[in-house]
Amino acid sequence: MRHIKTIEGQLEAGGLKIAIAAARFNDLVVEKLVSGAVDYLLRHGAEHENLTIVRMPGAFELPLICHKLALSGHYDGLVALGAVIRGETPHFEYVCAEATKGLAQVSLNSGLPVGFGLLTTDSLEQAMERAGGKSGNKGADAAAAMLESVKVLRLLG
């Protein structure tokens, strides 16, 4: 079999400046996501002084705040964290769809990786499972995805 060139990003955060955008709504869940993301980044070489946490009201505001952070030119990557839990109205669908589309747009328009850590669940129990319970910590997963994307983009030039 012939050699196939593979480009992979190393999970090393040393020297990178990273912003974590965290929604306040459903704070019980989001704080666990933030802790997971920060812990992951520190374990992979990030320095405390190169991490910035930015708070905003809810998931709907995540794209705007991430857009502003991306435009600042101060960061190598962003991690967007929030939790939207289904209620009895269609509000859930609107917030989830617009926040998701907005975060994708930020990443594509800026060229800056945005780790997607927006939980969209049917219950608080499901959210807690994904914020450090038996389903792992999606905040850490979002940080990992962002970190690997930063490194792959650098290799691509």
N, C-alpha and C. Protein backbone atom coordinates (compact mmCIF):
# COMPACT_ATOMS: atom_id res chain seq x y z
N MET A 1 0.84 -1.18 0.00
CA MET A 1 0.00 0.00 0.00
C MET A 1 0.88 1.25 0.00
N ARG A 2 0.50 2.22 -0.76
CA ARG A 2 1.27 3.45 -0.86
C ARG A 2 1.03 4.34 0.36
N HIS A 3 2.02 5.18 0.61
CA HIS A 3 1.93 6.12 1.74
C HIS A 3 0.90 7.21 1.42
N ILE A 4 0.01 7.45 2.35
CA ILE A 4 -0.99 8.50 2.21
C ILE A 4 -0.63 9.61 3.19
N LYS A 5 -0.49 10.81 2.66
CA LYS A 5 -0.16 11.95 3.51
C LYS A 5 -1.34 12.25 4.43
N THR A 6 -1.06 12.39 5.70
CA THR A 6 -2.07 12.71 6.70
C THR A 6 -1.66 13.95 7.46
N ILE A 7 -2.59 14.87 7.60
CA ILE A 7 -2.34 16.09 8.37
C ILE A 7 -3.20 16.03 9.62
N GLU A 8 -2.55 16.08 10.77
CA GLU A 8 -3.26 16.02 12.05
C GLU A 8 -2.70 17.08 12.99
N GLY A 9 -3.59 17.67 13.75
CA GLY A 9 -3.16 18.68 14.72
C GLY A 9 -2.80 18.04 16.05
N GLN A 10 -1.68 18.48 16.60
CA GLN A 10 -1.27 18.00 17.92
C GLN A 10 -2.05 18.75 19.00
N LEU A 11 -2.43 18.03 20.01
CA LEU A 11 -3.23 18.62 21.09
C LEU A 11 -2.33 19.27 22.13
N GLU A 12 -1.70 20.37 21.74
CA GLU A 12 -0.80 21.12 22.60
C GLU A 12 -1.24 22.58 22.59
N ALA A 13 -1.64 23.08 23.75
CA ALA A 13 -2.20 24.43 23.86
C ALA A 13 -1.20 25.48 24.32
N GLY A 14 0.05 25.10 24.57
CA GLY A 14 1.05 26.04 25.05
C GLY A 14 1.18 27.24 24.13
N GLY A 15 1.14 28.44 24.70
CA GLY A 15 1.31 29.67 23.96
C GLY A 15 0.07 30.18 23.24
N LEU A 16 -0.99 29.40 23.20
CA LEU A 16 -2.21 29.83 22.52
C LEU A 16 -3.05 30.72 23.43
N LYS A 17 -3.67 31.71 22.82
CA LYS A 17 -4.62 32.57 23.54
C LYS A 17 -6.02 32.12 23.16
N ILE A 18 -6.79 31.76 24.18
CA ILE A 18 -8.09 31.15 23.95
C ILE A 18 -9.15 31.86 24.78
N ALA A 19 -10.27 32.15 24.14
CA ALA A 19 -11.41 32.74 24.85
C ALA A 19 -12.50 31.69 24.97
N ILE A 20 -13.09 31.63 26.13
CA ILE A 20 -14.22 30.75 26.39
C ILE A 20 -15.44 31.64 26.60
N ALA A 21 -16.40 31.54 25.68
CA ALA A 21 -17.64 32.31 25.78
C ALA A 21 -18.67 31.43 26.47
N ALA A 22 -19.17 31.88 27.61
CA ALA A 22 -20.05 31.04 28.43
C ALA A 22 -21.35 31.76 28.75
N ALA A 23 -22.46 31.13 28.38
CA ALA A 23 -23.79 31.67 28.67
C ALA A 23 -24.10 31.52 30.16
N ARG A 24 -24.80 32.50 30.73
CA ARG A 24 -25.21 32.42 32.14
C ARG A 24 -26.47 31.59 32.34
N PHE A 25 -27.34 31.56 31.33
CA PHE A 25 -28.59 30.81 31.45
C PHE A 25 -28.26 29.33 31.63
N ASN A 26 -28.95 28.66 32.52
CA ASN A 26 -28.66 27.27 32.90
C ASN A 26 -27.24 27.15 33.46
N ASP A 27 -26.90 28.10 34.31
CA ASP A 27 -25.56 28.23 34.87
C ASP A 27 -25.08 26.97 35.59
N LEU A 28 -25.97 26.24 36.22
CA LEU A 28 -25.59 25.01 36.91
C LEU A 28 -24.89 24.06 35.94
N VAL A 29 -25.39 23.98 34.73
CA VAL A 29 -24.81 23.11 33.70
C VAL A 29 -23.59 23.77 33.07
N VAL A 30 -23.71 25.03 32.71
CA VAL A 30 -22.65 25.71 31.98
C VAL A 30 -21.37 25.79 32.80
N GLU A 31 -21.49 25.99 34.11
CA GLU A 31 -20.28 26.05 34.94
C GLU A 31 -19.49 24.75 34.87
N LYS A 32 -20.18 23.64 34.78
CA LYS A 32 -19.50 22.34 34.65
C LYS A 32 -18.81 22.24 33.28
N LEU A 33 -19.44 22.79 32.25
CA LEU A 33 -18.82 22.81 30.92
C LEU A 33 -17.57 23.68 30.93
N VAL A 34 -17.66 24.84 31.57
CA VAL A 34 -16.50 25.74 31.67
C VAL A 34 -15.36 25.04 32.41
N SER A 35 -15.68 24.41 33.53
CA SER A 35 -14.64 23.70 34.29
C SER A 35 -13.99 22.61 33.44
N GLY A 36 -14.80 21.88 32.68
CA GLY A 36 -14.26 20.83 31.82
C GLY A 36 -13.35 21.39 30.74
N ALA A 37 -13.75 22.50 30.12
CA ALA A 37 -12.94 23.12 29.08
C ALA A 37 -11.62 23.65 29.64
N VAL A 38 -11.70 24.37 30.74
CA VAL A 38 -10.49 24.94 31.35
C VAL A 38 -9.54 23.83 31.78
N ASP A 39 -10.07 22.81 32.44
CA ASP A 39 -9.24 21.69 32.89
C ASP A 39 -8.54 21.03 31.69
N TYR A 40 -9.29 20.80 30.62
CA TYR A 40 -8.72 20.17 29.43
C TYR A 40 -7.58 21.02 28.87
N LEU A 41 -7.83 22.32 28.72
CA LEU A 41 -6.81 23.19 28.14
C LEU A 41 -5.56 23.28 29.01
N LEU A 42 -5.74 23.37 30.32
CA LEU A 42 -4.59 23.42 31.23
C LEU A 42 -3.79 22.13 31.18
N ARG A 43 -4.50 21.00 31.12
CA ARG A 43 -3.81 19.70 31.04
C ARG A 43 -3.05 19.54 29.72
N HIS A 44 -3.42 20.34 28.72
CA HIS A 44 -2.75 20.26 27.42
C HIS A 44 -1.82 21.45 27.18
N GLY A 45 -1.38 22.08 28.26
CA GLY A 45 -0.30 23.05 28.17
C GLY A 45 -0.70 24.51 28.15
N ALA A 46 -1.98 24.82 28.19
CA ALA A 46 -2.40 26.23 28.21
C ALA A 46 -1.95 26.88 29.52
N GLU A 47 -1.69 28.17 29.45
CA GLU A 47 -1.33 28.93 30.64
C GLU A 47 -2.54 29.72 31.10
N HIS A 48 -2.72 29.82 32.41
CA HIS A 48 -3.86 30.56 32.97
C HIS A 48 -3.99 31.95 32.36
N GLU A 49 -2.86 32.64 32.22
CA GLU A 49 -2.89 34.02 31.74
C GLU A 49 -3.30 34.13 30.26
N ASN A 50 -3.33 33.02 29.54
CA ASN A 50 -3.73 33.03 28.13
C ASN A 50 -5.17 32.58 27.92
N LEU A 51 -5.89 32.35 29.02
CA LEU A 51 -7.30 31.97 28.94
C LEU A 51 -8.16 33.13 29.41
N THR A 52 -9.22 33.39 28.67
CA THR A 52 -10.17 34.45 29.03
C THR A 52 -11.56 33.85 28.99
N ILE A 53 -12.34 34.07 30.05
CA ILE A 53 -13.73 33.64 30.08
C ILE A 53 -14.60 34.88 29.94
N VAL A 54 -15.51 34.82 28.97
CA VAL A 54 -16.43 35.93 28.71
C VAL A 54 -17.85 35.43 28.97
N ARG A 55 -18.58 36.13 29.81
CA ARG A 55 -19.95 35.74 30.17
C ARG A 55 -20.97 36.56 29.39
N MET A 56 -22.06 35.92 29.02
CA MET A 56 -23.17 36.62 28.39
C MET A 56 -24.47 35.99 28.87
N PRO A 57 -25.62 36.64 28.61
CA PRO A 57 -26.88 36.16 29.18
C PRO A 57 -27.25 34.72 28.81
N GLY A 58 -27.23 34.40 27.51
CA GLY A 58 -27.69 33.07 27.13
C GLY A 58 -27.08 32.61 25.82
N ALA A 59 -27.58 31.47 25.34
CA ALA A 59 -27.05 30.86 24.13
C ALA A 59 -27.28 31.73 22.90
N PHE A 60 -28.38 32.47 22.87
CA PHE A 60 -28.69 33.30 21.71
C PHE A 60 -27.62 34.38 21.50
N GLU A 61 -26.99 34.81 22.57
CA GLU A 61 -25.96 35.85 22.49
C GLU A 61 -24.57 35.30 22.14
N LEU A 62 -24.39 33.99 22.20
CA LEU A 62 -23.08 33.40 21.92
C LEU A 62 -22.50 33.81 20.56
N PRO A 63 -23.26 33.76 19.46
CA PRO A 63 -22.66 34.13 18.17
C PRO A 63 -22.15 35.57 18.13
N LEU A 64 -22.90 36.51 18.66
CA LEU A 64 -22.47 37.90 18.63
C LEU A 64 -21.19 38.09 19.43
N ILE A 65 -21.14 37.53 20.63
CA ILE A 65 -19.95 37.67 21.48
C ILE A 65 -18.76 36.98 20.82
N CYS A 66 -18.96 35.79 20.26
CA CYS A 66 -17.87 35.10 19.58
C CYS A 66 -17.41 35.86 18.35
N HIS A 67 -18.34 36.49 17.64
CA HIS A 67 -17.99 37.31 16.48
C HIS A 67 -17.07 38.45 16.91
N LYS A 68 -17.43 39.13 17.97
CA LYS A 68 -16.63 40.25 18.48
C LYS A 68 -15.25 39.76 18.94
N LEU A 69 -15.21 38.61 19.61
CA LEU A 69 -13.93 38.04 20.05
C LEU A 69 -13.06 37.69 18.85
N ALA A 70 -13.66 37.10 17.82
CA ALA A 70 -12.91 36.73 16.62
C ALA A 70 -12.35 37.97 15.93
N LEU A 71 -13.16 39.02 15.83
CA LEU A 71 -12.72 40.26 15.18
C LEU A 71 -11.59 40.95 15.93
N SER A 72 -11.50 40.71 17.23
CA SER A 72 -10.50 41.40 18.04
C SER A 72 -9.07 41.05 17.63
N GLY A 73 -8.89 39.86 17.08
CA GLY A 73 -7.55 39.43 16.70
C GLY A 73 -6.68 39.01 17.87
N HIS A 74 -7.25 38.93 19.05
CA HIS A 74 -6.48 38.59 20.25
C HIS A 74 -6.41 37.10 20.53
N TYR A 75 -7.19 36.29 19.83
CA TYR A 75 -7.32 34.88 20.20
C TYR A 75 -6.97 33.95 19.04
N ASP A 76 -6.43 32.80 19.41
CA ASP A 76 -6.13 31.75 18.44
C ASP A 76 -7.32 30.83 18.24
N GLY A 77 -8.21 30.77 19.21
CA GLY A 77 -9.39 29.92 19.13
C GLY A 77 -10.40 30.32 20.18
N LEU A 78 -11.63 29.90 19.94
CA LEU A 78 -12.74 30.20 20.85
C LEU A 78 -13.44 28.90 21.23
N VAL A 79 -14.01 28.89 22.42
CA VAL A 79 -14.86 27.78 22.86
C VAL A 79 -16.19 28.40 23.28
N ALA A 80 -17.27 27.98 22.64
CA ALA A 80 -18.61 28.51 22.94
C ALA A 80 -19.36 27.49 23.79
N LEU A 81 -19.79 27.90 24.97
CA LEU A 81 -20.44 26.99 25.91
C LEU A 81 -21.80 27.52 26.35
N GLY A 82 -22.79 26.66 26.33
CA GLY A 82 -24.12 27.02 26.77
C GLY A 82 -24.98 25.78 26.90
N ALA A 83 -26.17 25.96 27.42
CA ALA A 83 -27.11 24.84 27.57
C ALA A 83 -28.52 25.35 27.33
N VAL A 84 -29.19 24.73 26.37
CA VAL A 84 -30.58 25.04 26.09
C VAL A 84 -31.37 23.76 26.37
N ILE A 85 -32.32 23.87 27.29
CA ILE A 85 -33.12 22.70 27.70
C ILE A 85 -34.54 22.90 27.22
N ARG A 86 -35.07 21.89 26.54
CA ARG A 86 -36.40 21.98 25.94
C ARG A 86 -37.46 22.30 26.99
N GLY A 87 -38.34 23.21 26.62
CA GLY A 87 -39.47 23.55 27.47
C GLY A 87 -40.76 23.18 26.76
N GLU A 88 -41.82 23.88 27.07
CA GLU A 88 -43.13 23.56 26.51
C GLU A 88 -43.50 24.43 25.31
N THR A 89 -42.59 25.30 24.88
CA THR A 89 -42.88 26.19 23.75
C THR A 89 -41.83 25.97 22.66
N PRO A 90 -42.06 26.49 21.46
CA PRO A 90 -41.08 26.32 20.38
C PRO A 90 -39.82 27.18 20.55
N HIS A 91 -39.74 27.94 21.61
CA HIS A 91 -38.57 28.79 21.87
C HIS A 91 -37.27 28.00 21.76
N PHE A 92 -37.25 26.78 22.26
CA PHE A 92 -36.08 25.90 22.24
C PHE A 92 -35.53 25.77 20.82
N GLU A 93 -36.41 25.45 19.86
CA GLU A 93 -35.96 25.25 18.48
C GLU A 93 -35.33 26.51 17.90
N TYR A 94 -35.94 27.67 18.16
CA TYR A 94 -35.43 28.92 17.62
C TYR A 94 -34.05 29.25 18.17
N VAL A 95 -33.91 29.14 19.47
CA VAL A 95 -32.63 29.47 20.10
C VAL A 95 -31.54 28.51 19.64
N CYS A 96 -31.83 27.22 19.65
CA CYS A 96 -30.83 26.23 19.23
C CYS A 96 -30.40 26.45 17.79
N ALA A 97 -31.37 26.61 16.90
CA ALA A 97 -31.05 26.75 15.48
C ALA A 97 -30.24 28.02 15.21
N GLU A 98 -30.66 29.13 15.77
CA GLU A 98 -29.97 30.40 15.49
C GLU A 98 -28.59 30.45 16.14
N ALA A 99 -28.47 29.94 17.33
CA ALA A 99 -27.16 29.93 17.99
C ALA A 99 -26.19 29.03 17.22
N THR A 100 -26.66 27.88 16.80
CA THR A 100 -25.82 26.95 16.05
C THR A 100 -25.38 27.55 14.72
N LYS A 101 -26.33 28.10 13.97
CA LYS A 101 -25.99 28.72 12.68
C LYS A 101 -25.05 29.90 12.88
N GLY A 102 -25.32 30.69 13.90
CA GLY A 102 -24.48 31.86 14.15
C GLY A 102 -23.05 31.49 14.50
N LEU A 103 -22.86 30.46 15.31
CA LEU A 103 -21.51 30.05 15.68
C LEU A 103 -20.76 29.49 14.48
N ALA A 104 -21.45 28.73 13.64
CA ALA A 104 -20.82 28.23 12.42
C ALA A 104 -20.40 29.38 11.52
N GLN A 105 -21.25 30.39 11.42
CA GLN A 105 -20.95 31.56 10.60
C GLN A 105 -19.73 32.30 11.13
N VAL A 106 -19.63 32.45 12.43
CA VAL A 106 -18.47 33.11 13.03
C VAL A 106 -17.19 32.40 12.62
N SER A 107 -17.18 31.10 12.75
CA SER A 107 -15.99 30.32 12.42
C SER A 107 -15.64 30.44 10.94
N LEU A 108 -16.63 30.27 10.09
CA LEU A 108 -16.38 30.33 8.64
C LEU A 108 -15.96 31.73 8.20
N ASN A 109 -16.61 32.76 8.70
CA ASN A 109 -16.30 34.12 8.28
C ASN A 109 -14.97 34.63 8.82
N SER A 110 -14.59 34.17 10.00
CA SER A 110 -13.36 34.68 10.62
C SER A 110 -12.16 33.78 10.36
N GLY A 111 -12.41 32.52 10.04
CA GLY A 111 -11.32 31.56 9.90
C GLY A 111 -10.76 31.12 11.24
N LEU A 112 -11.45 31.48 12.30
CA LEU A 112 -11.01 31.13 13.66
C LEU A 112 -11.83 29.95 14.16
N PRO A 113 -11.18 28.89 14.63
CA PRO A 113 -11.92 27.74 15.14
C PRO A 113 -12.78 28.11 16.36
N VAL A 114 -14.01 27.65 16.33
CA VAL A 114 -14.94 27.82 17.45
C VAL A 114 -15.34 26.43 17.93
N GLY A 115 -14.88 26.05 19.11
CA GLY A 115 -15.29 24.78 19.69
C GLY A 115 -16.76 24.87 20.09
N PHE A 116 -17.56 23.95 19.57
CA PHE A 116 -19.01 24.00 19.77
C PHE A 116 -19.40 23.20 21.01
N GLY A 117 -19.71 23.92 22.08
CA GLY A 117 -20.11 23.29 23.33
C GLY A 117 -21.47 23.75 23.79
N LEU A 118 -22.39 23.84 22.84
CA LEU A 118 -23.76 24.23 23.16
C LEU A 118 -24.61 22.97 23.29
N LEU A 119 -24.99 22.67 24.52
CA LEU A 119 -25.86 21.52 24.75
C LEU A 119 -27.29 21.86 24.38
N THR A 120 -27.95 20.95 23.72
CA THR A 120 -29.37 21.11 23.38
C THR A 120 -30.04 19.81 23.81
N THR A 121 -30.68 19.84 24.95
CA THR A 121 -31.20 18.60 25.55
C THR A 121 -32.68 18.71 25.87
N ASP A 122 -33.28 17.56 26.12
CA ASP A 122 -34.69 17.51 26.47
C ASP A 122 -34.94 17.70 27.96
N SER A 123 -33.89 17.54 28.78
CA SER A 123 -34.10 17.64 30.23
C SER A 123 -32.82 18.10 30.91
N LEU A 124 -32.97 18.58 32.14
CA LEU A 124 -31.82 18.96 32.95
C LEU A 124 -30.93 17.74 33.19
N GLU A 125 -31.56 16.59 33.41
CA GLU A 125 -30.80 15.36 33.65
C GLU A 125 -29.88 15.05 32.47
N GLN A 126 -30.39 15.15 31.25
CA GLN A 126 -29.55 14.92 30.06
C GLN A 126 -28.41 15.92 30.00
N ALA A 127 -28.70 17.17 30.30
CA ALA A 127 -27.67 18.21 30.27
C ALA A 127 -26.57 17.90 31.29
N MET A 128 -26.95 17.51 32.49
CA MET A 128 -25.97 17.20 33.53
C MET A 128 -25.11 15.99 33.15
N GLU A 129 -25.72 15.02 32.47
CA GLU A 129 -24.96 13.85 32.01
C GLU A 129 -23.87 14.26 31.03
N ARG A 130 -24.13 15.30 30.23
CA ARG A 130 -23.18 15.76 29.21
C ARG A 130 -22.22 16.81 29.74
N ALA A 131 -22.43 17.23 30.98
CA ALA A 131 -21.58 18.25 31.59
C ALA A 131 -20.74 17.66 32.71
N GLY A 132 -20.25 16.46 32.48
CA GLY A 132 -19.38 15.83 33.47
C GLY A 132 -19.94 14.57 34.07
N GLY A 133 -21.09 14.13 33.59
CA GLY A 133 -21.68 12.89 34.08
C GLY A 133 -21.23 11.71 33.24
N LYS A 134 -22.10 10.71 33.11
CA LYS A 134 -21.71 9.48 32.43
C LYS A 134 -21.46 9.66 30.93
N SER A 135 -21.91 10.77 30.36
CA SER A 135 -21.66 11.03 28.93
C SER A 135 -20.41 11.88 28.72
N GLY A 136 -19.61 12.07 29.76
CA GLY A 136 -18.40 12.87 29.64
C GLY A 136 -18.69 14.34 29.83
N ASN A 137 -17.74 15.18 29.43
CA ASN A 137 -17.91 16.62 29.56
C ASN A 137 -17.76 17.25 28.18
N LYS A 138 -18.86 17.75 27.66
CA LYS A 138 -18.87 18.33 26.32
C LYS A 138 -18.12 19.65 26.26
N GLY A 139 -17.87 20.27 27.40
CA GLY A 139 -17.01 21.45 27.44
C GLY A 139 -15.58 21.07 27.09
N ALA A 140 -15.11 19.97 27.67
CA ALA A 140 -13.77 19.46 27.35
C ALA A 140 -13.71 19.02 25.89
N ASP A 141 -14.77 18.38 25.41
CA ASP A 141 -14.79 17.95 24.00
C ASP A 141 -14.72 19.15 23.06
N ALA A 142 -15.43 20.23 23.39
CA ALA A 142 -15.41 21.43 22.56
C ALA A 142 -14.02 22.06 22.56
N ALA A 143 -13.37 22.07 23.71
CA ALA A 143 -12.00 22.60 23.80
C ALA A 143 -11.05 21.76 22.96
N ALA A 144 -11.21 20.44 23.00
CA ALA A 144 -10.36 19.54 22.22
C ALA A 144 -10.54 19.77 20.73
N ALA A 145 -11.79 19.90 20.29
CA ALA A 145 -12.07 20.13 18.87
C ALA A 145 -11.47 21.45 18.40
N MET A 146 -11.60 22.48 19.21
CA MET A 146 -11.03 23.79 18.88
C MET A 146 -9.51 23.68 18.79
N LEU A 147 -8.90 23.05 19.77
CA LEU A 147 -7.44 22.95 19.82
C LEU A 147 -6.90 22.19 18.60
N GLU A 148 -7.50 21.07 18.29
CA GLU A 148 -7.03 20.32 17.13
C GLU A 148 -7.23 21.11 15.85
N SER A 149 -8.34 21.84 15.74
CA SER A 149 -8.61 22.65 14.55
C SER A 149 -7.59 23.78 14.40
N VAL A 150 -7.22 24.42 15.51
CA VAL A 150 -6.19 25.47 15.46
C VAL A 150 -4.92 24.89 14.87
N LYS A 151 -4.52 23.73 15.36
CA LYS A 151 -3.26 23.12 14.92
C LYS A 151 -3.33 22.66 13.47
N VAL A 152 -4.46 22.10 13.05
CA VAL A 152 -4.61 21.68 11.65
C VAL A 152 -4.56 22.89 10.73
N LEU A 153 -5.24 23.97 11.10
CA LEU A 153 -5.20 25.17 10.26
C LEU A 153 -3.79 25.70 10.11
N ARG A 154 -3.01 25.65 11.16
CA ARG A 154 -1.62 26.12 11.08
C ARG A 154 -0.80 25.23 10.13
N LEU A 155 -1.06 23.94 10.16
CA LEU A 155 -0.35 23.04 9.26
C LEU A 155 -0.76 23.24 7.81
N LEU A 156 -2.00 23.63 7.61
CA LEU A 156 -2.49 23.88 6.24
C LEU A 156 -1.98 25.19 5.67
N GLY A 157 -1.53 26.08 6.55
CA GLY A 157 -0.95 27.35 6.11
C GLY A 157 -1.90 28.44 5.82
